C-alpha cells in the first residue's frame, strides 16, 4: 500500500472518529467564519494569480457550508470582505468581488441554496460595493428569501465597529422620529436595545468563531455579538481548510464549559 493511499485511509478513519464523538453532543447554533489566508495560500502554492486562491477558497466555503448542514447548524456568518479590505489595490478587490458574484449565481442556479434550504443575507456597508457585486448579492437574497431551514449571513464591506455605530444610529433615528426627550433616549439605551439594530438582529450570537491562517485575533469581526463566543484559531490557510480541521473546532467547542460571564 502506497504512502499516499495509507495517509488517505488514516485521514478518513480519524475523520470518522471525530464525527462519532461530535454527534454525541449538541452542535453550535451559530458559527462565525473568518476566512483568512487566501493570498498567503496563493503564494505558498505558487498559483498563477491571487484570484486563483480566492476561487479555491470559494470552493472550500461551499464544502464548509455542506459540513455545517450535515451537522444541522442553522446559522453561519461568513466574513468575505472587510471595510479595510476595500482599501487594498483595486485589482485585488475586484478579484474578490468577482469570485463572490460568481458564487452567488452558482449557488442559486446550481441548486446549492435550495438543497440546503439556505437563505442568503448580505450584511455590511453594501452601498460601498460596485453595482454588479451589489446586484449579485441582492439577487441571491431575493431568490432565497423563502428558504427557512438555514441562514447564511455574508459579511461584505463589513466592520464590527461600523456595525455598532450603525446600530446606535438606527436607535437614535427611531427615538427622534417618535419625538423622545434626551432623558428618555438615555434611559432607553441598553444592550438589549442595540441588539435590535444589529445587522444580525434576528440571529443568536455566534457560539463559535473559527479563524484560519494562524492569526489570533478577531480583527473587528462581530465585536458586539462575540462577547461570550468561543474561539478556535487554526494555522491552516482557508483554501486548505480540511474537514478534520472543521471537526476539531466543533469538538473543541463541545468540550468547553460555557459560563457566559458567570
Protein backbone atom coordinates (compact mmCIF):
# COMPACT_ATOMS: atom_id res chain seq x y z
CA UNK A 1 0.00 0.00 0.00
CA UNK A 2 1.46 3.34 -1.05
CA UNK A 3 2.07 6.11 1.47
CA UNK A 4 -0.50 8.35 -0.16
CA UNK A 5 -3.20 5.68 0.00
CA UNK A 6 -2.32 4.88 3.62
CA UNK A 7 -2.42 8.54 4.56
CA UNK A 8 -5.84 8.92 2.92
CA UNK A 9 -7.14 5.88 4.78
CA UNK A 10 -5.87 7.13 8.15
CA UNK A 11 -7.35 10.53 7.44
CA UNK A 12 -10.78 9.00 6.81
CA UNK A 13 -10.60 6.85 9.92
CA UNK A 14 -9.70 9.89 12.03
CA UNK A 15 -12.46 11.93 10.42
CA UNK A 16 -14.96 9.17 11.23
CA UNK A 17 -13.73 9.04 14.83
CA UNK A 18 -14.13 12.82 15.21
CA UNK A 19 -17.60 12.72 13.73
CA UNK A 20 -18.66 9.92 16.08
CA UNK A 21 -17.52 11.99 19.09
CA UNK A 22 -19.24 15.13 17.86
CA UNK A 23 -22.61 13.53 17.22
CA UNK A 24 -22.98 12.78 20.95
CA UNK A 25 -23.18 16.50 21.84
CA UNK A 26 -25.29 19.42 20.54
CA UNK A 27 -23.68 21.40 17.71
CA UNK A 28 -23.30 25.20 17.79
CA UNK A 29 -26.41 27.11 16.75
CA UNK A 30 -24.38 29.81 15.02
CA UNK A 31 -20.84 29.67 13.65
CA UNK A 32 -18.83 32.68 12.52
CA UNK A 33 -16.07 32.05 9.98
CA UNK A 34 -13.13 34.40 9.42
CA UNK A 35 -11.85 33.04 6.12
CA UNK A 36 -8.26 34.20 6.23
CA UNK A 37 -5.19 33.21 4.27
CA UNK A 38 -6.17 33.32 0.59
CA UNK A 39 -3.21 35.44 -0.51
CA UNK A 40 -0.69 33.51 1.57
CA UNK A 41 -2.06 30.25 0.19
CA UNK A 42 -1.70 31.58 -3.36
CA UNK A 43 1.93 32.47 -2.75
CA UNK A 44 2.80 29.24 -0.91
CA UNK A 45 1.11 27.09 -3.58
CA UNK A 46 2.75 29.20 -6.31
CA UNK A 47 -0.53 29.79 -8.08
CA UNK A 48 -0.50 31.86 -11.23
CA UNK A 49 -2.62 34.66 -9.74
CA UNK A 50 -4.10 35.68 -6.40
CA UNK A 51 -7.57 35.27 -7.88
CA UNK A 52 -6.87 31.53 -8.21
CA UNK A 53 -6.52 31.42 -4.44
CA UNK A 54 -9.83 33.21 -3.98
CA UNK A 55 -11.56 30.76 -6.33
CA UNK A 56 -10.18 27.77 -4.44
CA UNK A 57 -11.25 29.45 -1.20
CA UNK A 58 -14.77 29.88 -2.54
CA UNK A 59 -14.94 26.17 -3.34
CA UNK A 60 -13.81 25.49 0.23
CA UNK A 61 -16.57 27.77 1.54
CA UNK A 62 -19.10 25.67 -0.32
CA UNK A 63 -17.71 22.50 1.26
CA UNK A 64 -17.84 24.03 4.74
CA UNK A 65 -21.46 25.08 4.29
CA UNK A 66 -22.30 21.49 3.41
CA UNK A 67 -20.42 20.27 6.50
CA UNK A 68 -22.40 22.72 8.63
CA UNK A 69 -25.66 21.48 7.10
CA UNK A 70 -24.65 17.86 7.77
CA UNK A 71 -24.32 18.75 11.48
CA UNK A 72 -27.61 20.68 11.35
CA UNK A 73 -26.02 24.02 12.25
CA UNK A 74 -28.77 26.53 11.41
CA UNK A 75 -26.83 29.82 11.16
CA UNK A 76 -23.46 30.65 9.62
CA UNK A 77 -21.85 34.05 9.18
CA UNK A 78 -19.04 34.30 6.62
CA UNK A 79 -16.67 37.25 6.60
CA UNK A 80 -15.99 37.57 2.90
CA UNK A 81 -14.66 41.14 2.73
CA UNK A 82 -13.95 43.74 5.41
CA UNK A 83 -14.16 47.51 5.13
CA UNK A 84 -10.35 47.53 5.47
CA UNK A 85 -10.08 45.09 2.55
CA UNK A 86 -11.77 47.68 0.35
CA UNK A 87 -8.63 49.83 0.64
CA UNK A 88 -6.46 47.16 -0.99
CA UNK A 89 -5.29 47.61 -4.59
CA UNK A 90 -8.25 47.85 -6.96
CA UNK A 91 -7.33 44.68 -8.86
CA UNK A 92 -7.18 42.66 -5.64
CA UNK A 93 -10.61 43.88 -4.50
CA UNK A 94 -12.02 43.24 -7.98
CA UNK A 95 -10.76 39.64 -7.86
CA UNK A 96 -12.52 39.02 -4.54
CA UNK A 97 -15.77 40.59 -5.70
CA UNK A 98 -15.68 38.69 -8.99
CA UNK A 99 -15.48 35.40 -7.08
CA UNK A 100 -18.33 36.45 -4.76
CA UNK A 101 -20.52 37.38 -7.74
CA UNK A 102 -19.82 34.08 -9.47
CA UNK A 103 -20.55 32.03 -6.35
CA UNK A 104 -23.83 33.82 -5.68
CA UNK A 105 -25.06 32.92 -9.15
CA UNK A 106 -23.70 29.38 -8.92
CA UNK A 107 -25.34 28.67 -5.55
CA UNK A 108 -28.70 29.81 -6.89
CA UNK A 109 -28.57 28.35 -10.39
CA UNK A 110 -26.75 25.17 -9.33
CA UNK A 111 -29.24 24.47 -6.58
CA UNK A 112 -26.97 24.50 -3.52
CA UNK A 113 -29.06 27.13 -1.73
CA UNK A 114 -32.25 25.21 -2.38
CA UNK A 115 -30.73 21.86 -1.46
CA UNK A 116 -29.54 23.20 1.89
CA UNK A 117 -32.67 25.29 2.48
CA UNK A 118 -30.30 28.23 2.87
CA UNK A 119 -31.40 31.85 2.98
CA UNK A 120 -28.62 34.19 1.90
CA UNK A 121 -28.40 37.62 3.51
CA UNK A 122 -25.62 40.11 2.76
CA UNK A 123 -24.60 42.37 5.66
CA UNK A 124 -22.23 45.32 5.89
CA UNK A 125 -21.79 48.65 4.15
CA UNK A 126 -23.22 47.30 0.93
CA UNK A 127 -23.51 50.78 -0.59
CA UNK A 128 -19.70 50.79 -0.90
CA UNK A 129 -19.77 47.88 -3.33
CA UNK A 130 -19.72 48.19 -7.13
CA UNK A 131 -23.17 47.88 -8.74
CA UNK A 132 -22.51 44.43 -10.20
CA UNK A 133 -21.44 42.95 -6.85
CA UNK A 134 -24.35 44.54 -5.04
CA UNK A 135 -26.78 43.29 -7.68
CA UNK A 136 -25.45 39.72 -7.38
CA UNK A 137 -25.86 39.77 -3.61
CA UNK A 138 -29.34 41.28 -3.75
CA UNK A 139 -30.40 38.77 -6.40
CA UNK A 140 -29.25 35.89 -4.20
CA UNK A 141 -31.04 37.42 -1.22
CA UNK A 142 -34.30 37.76 -3.14
CA UNK A 143 -34.06 34.28 -4.66
CA UNK A 144 -33.60 32.61 -1.28
CA UNK A 145 -35.92 34.76 0.81
CA UNK A 146 -38.40 31.90 1.21
CA UNK A 147 -35.80 29.41 2.50
CA UNK A 148 -36.26 28.81 6.21
CA UNK A 149 -34.06 25.88 7.18
CA UNK A 150 -30.74 27.73 7.40
CA UNK A 151 -29.45 31.29 7.36
CA UNK A 152 -26.19 32.38 5.76
CA UNK A 153 -25.01 35.89 6.58
CA UNK A 154 -22.39 37.05 4.10
CA UNK A 155 -20.42 39.94 5.57
CA UNK A 156 -19.18 42.07 2.66
CA UNK A 157 -17.71 45.51 3.28
CA UNK A 158 -18.18 44.64 6.94
CA UNK A 159 -16.58 46.06 10.09
CA UNK A 160 -17.64 45.33 13.64
CA UNK A 161 -17.14 48.90 14.86
CA UNK A 162 -19.19 50.24 11.98
CA UNK A 163 -21.97 47.79 12.79
CA UNK A 164 -22.15 49.15 16.35
CA UNK A 165 -22.19 52.72 15.05
CA UNK A 166 -24.97 51.85 12.60
CA UNK A 167 -26.95 50.20 15.40
CA UNK A 168 -26.66 53.34 17.51
CA UNK A 169 -27.72 55.49 14.56
CA UNK A 170 -30.75 53.30 13.98
CA UNK A 171 -31.80 53.56 17.60
CA UNK A 172 -31.38 57.34 17.71
CA UNK A 173 -33.20 57.76 14.42
CA UNK A 174 -36.22 55.91 15.80
CA UNK A 175 -36.09 57.88 19.04
CA UNK A 176 -36.06 61.20 17.19
CA UNK A 177 -38.88 60.11 14.89
CA UNK A 178 -41.00 59.45 17.99
CA UNK A 179 -40.04 62.77 19.49
CA UNK A 180 -38.39 61.23 22.56
CA UNK A 181 -36.74 63.61 25.01
CA UNK A 182 -32.95 63.35 25.63
CA UNK A 183 -33.50 61.82 29.08
CA UNK A 184 -35.87 59.24 27.59
CA UNK A 185 -33.29 58.37 24.92
CA UNK A 186 -30.59 57.85 27.54
CA UNK A 187 -32.91 55.78 29.70
CA UNK A 188 -33.86 53.54 26.78
CA UNK A 189 -30.25 52.90 25.73
CA UNK A 190 -29.39 49.35 26.87
CA UNK A 191 -27.52 46.41 25.32
CA UNK A 192 -30.89 44.81 24.58
CA UNK A 193 -31.99 47.93 22.75
CA UNK A 194 -28.98 47.97 20.45
CA UNK A 195 -29.31 44.23 19.76
CA UNK A 196 -32.42 45.03 17.74
CA UNK A 197 -30.47 47.27 15.35
CA UNK A 198 -27.52 45.00 14.58
CA UNK A 199 -27.10 43.54 11.09
CA UNK A 200 -27.74 40.13 12.68
CA UNK A 201 -30.65 41.33 14.82
CA UNK A 202 -32.67 38.12 14.31
CA UNK A 203 -29.83 35.65 14.97
CA UNK A 204 -28.48 34.13 18.15
CA UNK A 205 -24.99 35.37 18.96
CA UNK A 206 -22.29 33.12 17.48
CA UNK A 207 -21.49 30.19 19.74
CA UNK A 208 -18.22 29.53 17.93
CA UNK A 209 -15.96 31.71 15.79
CA UNK A 210 -13.30 29.98 13.68
CA UNK A 211 -10.37 31.85 12.16
CA UNK A 212 -7.87 30.26 9.79
CA UNK A 213 -4.30 31.27 8.81
CA UNK A 214 -2.79 31.31 12.30
CA UNK A 215 -3.81 34.87 13.20
CA UNK A 216 -5.06 35.01 16.79
CA UNK A 217 -7.42 37.99 16.75
CA UNK A 218 -10.92 38.95 15.63
CA UNK A 219 -9.86 41.97 13.55
CA UNK A 220 -13.24 43.57 14.20
CA UNK A 221 -15.47 40.60 13.38
CA UNK A 222 -18.82 40.62 15.21
CA UNK A 223 -17.40 42.63 18.10
CA UNK A 224 -20.75 43.11 19.82
CA UNK A 225 -22.11 39.60 19.26
CA UNK A 226 -18.92 37.74 20.25
CA UNK A 227 -18.91 38.78 23.92
CA UNK A 228 -19.48 35.18 25.04
CA UNK A 229 -18.45 33.31 21.89
CA UNK A 230 -15.90 30.53 21.95
CA UNK A 231 -12.93 30.98 19.62
CA UNK A 232 -10.95 28.46 17.61
CA UNK A 233 -7.80 29.55 15.77
CA UNK A 234 -6.43 27.24 13.11
CA UNK A 235 -2.97 27.55 11.48
CA UNK A 236 -4.06 26.30 8.06
CA UNK A 237 -4.90 28.81 5.31
CA UNK A 238 -8.58 28.96 4.39
CA UNK A 239 -8.31 27.32 0.92
CA UNK A 240 -6.54 24.35 2.57
CA UNK A 241 -9.01 24.03 5.47
CA UNK A 242 -9.86 20.34 5.87
CA UNK A 243 -12.88 18.58 7.26
CA UNK A 244 -10.81 17.30 10.18
CA UNK A 245 -9.88 20.92 10.96
CA UNK A 246 -13.57 21.77 11.00
CA UNK A 247 -14.50 18.76 13.13
CA UNK A 248 -11.68 19.51 15.58
CA UNK A 249 -13.06 23.02 16.00
CA UNK A 250 -16.54 21.64 16.73
CA UNK A 251 -15.13 19.08 19.19
CA UNK A 252 -13.10 21.77 20.94
CA UNK A 253 -16.23 23.88 21.31
CA UNK A 254 -18.23 20.97 22.70
CA UNK A 255 -15.58 20.20 25.31
CA UNK A 256 -15.63 23.69 26.77
CA UNK A 257 -17.75 24.75 29.71
CA UNK A 258 -19.51 27.98 28.79
CA UNK A 259 -20.17 30.32 31.71
CA UNK A 260 -21.48 33.42 29.93
CA UNK A 261 -19.70 35.70 32.37
CA UNK A 262 -20.94 33.91 35.49
